[in-house]
Protein backbone atom coordinates (compact mmCIF):
# COMPACT_ATOMS: atom_id res chain seq x y z
CA MET A 1 27.10 12.38 -18.21
CA GLN A 2 28.44 9.19 -19.60
CA ILE A 3 31.34 7.25 -18.09
CA ALA A 4 33.20 4.50 -19.93
CA ILE A 5 34.52 1.49 -18.02
CA ASP A 6 36.87 -1.05 -19.53
CA LEU A 7 35.93 -4.57 -18.48
CA PRO A 8 37.64 -7.80 -19.53
CA ASP A 9 35.78 -9.68 -22.27
CA ASP A 10 35.48 -12.83 -20.15
CA PHE A 11 33.80 -10.79 -17.42
CA VAL A 12 31.01 -9.55 -19.67
CA ALA A 13 30.71 -12.51 -22.06
CA PHE A 14 27.84 -14.08 -20.11
CA GLN A 15 25.61 -10.96 -20.11
CA ALA A 16 24.01 -8.88 -22.81
CA GLU A 17 25.01 -5.21 -22.77
CA PRO A 18 21.59 -3.86 -21.71
CA ALA A 19 21.45 -6.25 -18.75
CA LEU A 20 24.99 -5.32 -17.73
CA ARG A 21 24.18 -1.59 -17.95
CA GLN A 22 21.11 -2.13 -15.75
CA GLU A 23 23.06 -4.16 -13.20
CA ILE A 24 25.83 -1.56 -12.95
CA SER A 25 23.36 1.34 -12.69
CA THR A 26 21.32 -0.44 -10.03
CA SER A 27 24.39 -1.42 -8.02
CA TYR A 28 25.75 2.12 -8.09
CA ALA A 29 22.36 3.60 -7.16
CA LEU A 30 22.08 1.15 -4.27
CA TRP A 31 25.57 2.07 -3.05
CA LEU A 32 24.82 5.80 -3.26
CA PHE A 33 21.57 5.37 -1.33
CA GLN A 34 23.10 3.07 1.27
CA HIS A 35 25.83 5.64 1.97
CA GLY A 36 23.37 8.52 2.22
CA ARG A 37 24.60 10.29 -0.91
CA VAL A 38 21.19 10.36 -2.63
CA THR A 39 17.56 10.03 -1.65
CA LEU A 40 15.53 6.90 -2.27
CA ALA A 41 13.73 8.62 -5.16
CA LYS A 42 16.98 9.77 -6.80
CA ALA A 43 18.50 6.31 -6.44
CA ALA A 44 15.45 4.73 -8.07
CA GLN A 45 15.70 7.25 -10.90
CA LEU A 46 19.41 6.47 -11.41
CA ALA A 47 18.60 2.76 -11.50
CA CYS A 48 15.82 3.41 -14.05
CA LEU A 49 13.34 1.73 -11.70
CA ASP A 50 10.15 2.94 -10.15
CA LEU A 51 10.26 3.61 -6.42
CA TYR A 52 8.57 0.34 -5.46
CA ASP A 53 10.91 -1.79 -7.60
CA PHE A 54 13.94 -0.01 -6.14
CA MET A 55 12.62 -0.68 -2.64
CA VAL A 56 12.43 -4.37 -3.58
CA VAL A 57 16.09 -4.20 -4.64
CA CYS A 58 16.92 -2.57 -1.30
CA LYS A 59 15.12 -5.32 0.59
CA ALA A 60 16.90 -8.03 -1.41
CA ASN A 61 20.23 -6.42 -0.51
CA ARG A 62 19.26 -5.78 3.12
CA VAL A 63 19.45 -2.01 2.74
CA PRO A 64 16.85 -0.34 4.97
CA VAL A 65 14.67 2.24 3.25
CA ILE A 66 13.52 3.80 6.53
CA ASP A 67 16.26 5.11 8.78
CA ILE A 68 14.76 5.17 12.25
CA SER A 69 15.76 3.41 15.45
CA ARG A 70 13.39 1.22 17.44
CA SER A 71 13.13 3.82 20.19
CA GLY A 72 12.53 6.58 17.64
CA LEU A 73 9.73 4.57 16.08
CA LEU A 74 8.15 3.87 19.46
CA ASP A 75 8.32 7.60 20.27
CA GLU A 76 6.59 8.42 16.96
CA LEU A 77 3.90 5.81 17.58
CA GLY A 78 3.41 7.12 21.11
CA SER A 79 2.95 10.67 19.88
CA LEU A 80 0.35 9.46 17.35
CA SER A 81 -1.69 7.65 19.98
CA ALA A 82 -1.53 10.67 22.29
CA ALA A 83 -3.00 12.96 19.65
């Protein structure tokens, strides 16, 4: 699917079209992932980035890629050491 967005010329004058497309795709993918609408892998695919590079974007934007509480993590670690 392709979606057209009208942007003022002065808004896009400082960026080349490919860079602007990448920035918009990455921002939307990040938003979708942050709000739990897509998986990490799907968000990376939407952003046209490999998984590692998308994780770097998440880190730069303070979006956690692992959704687990401290107590949940400690429980997991405890179950590993008990095994």
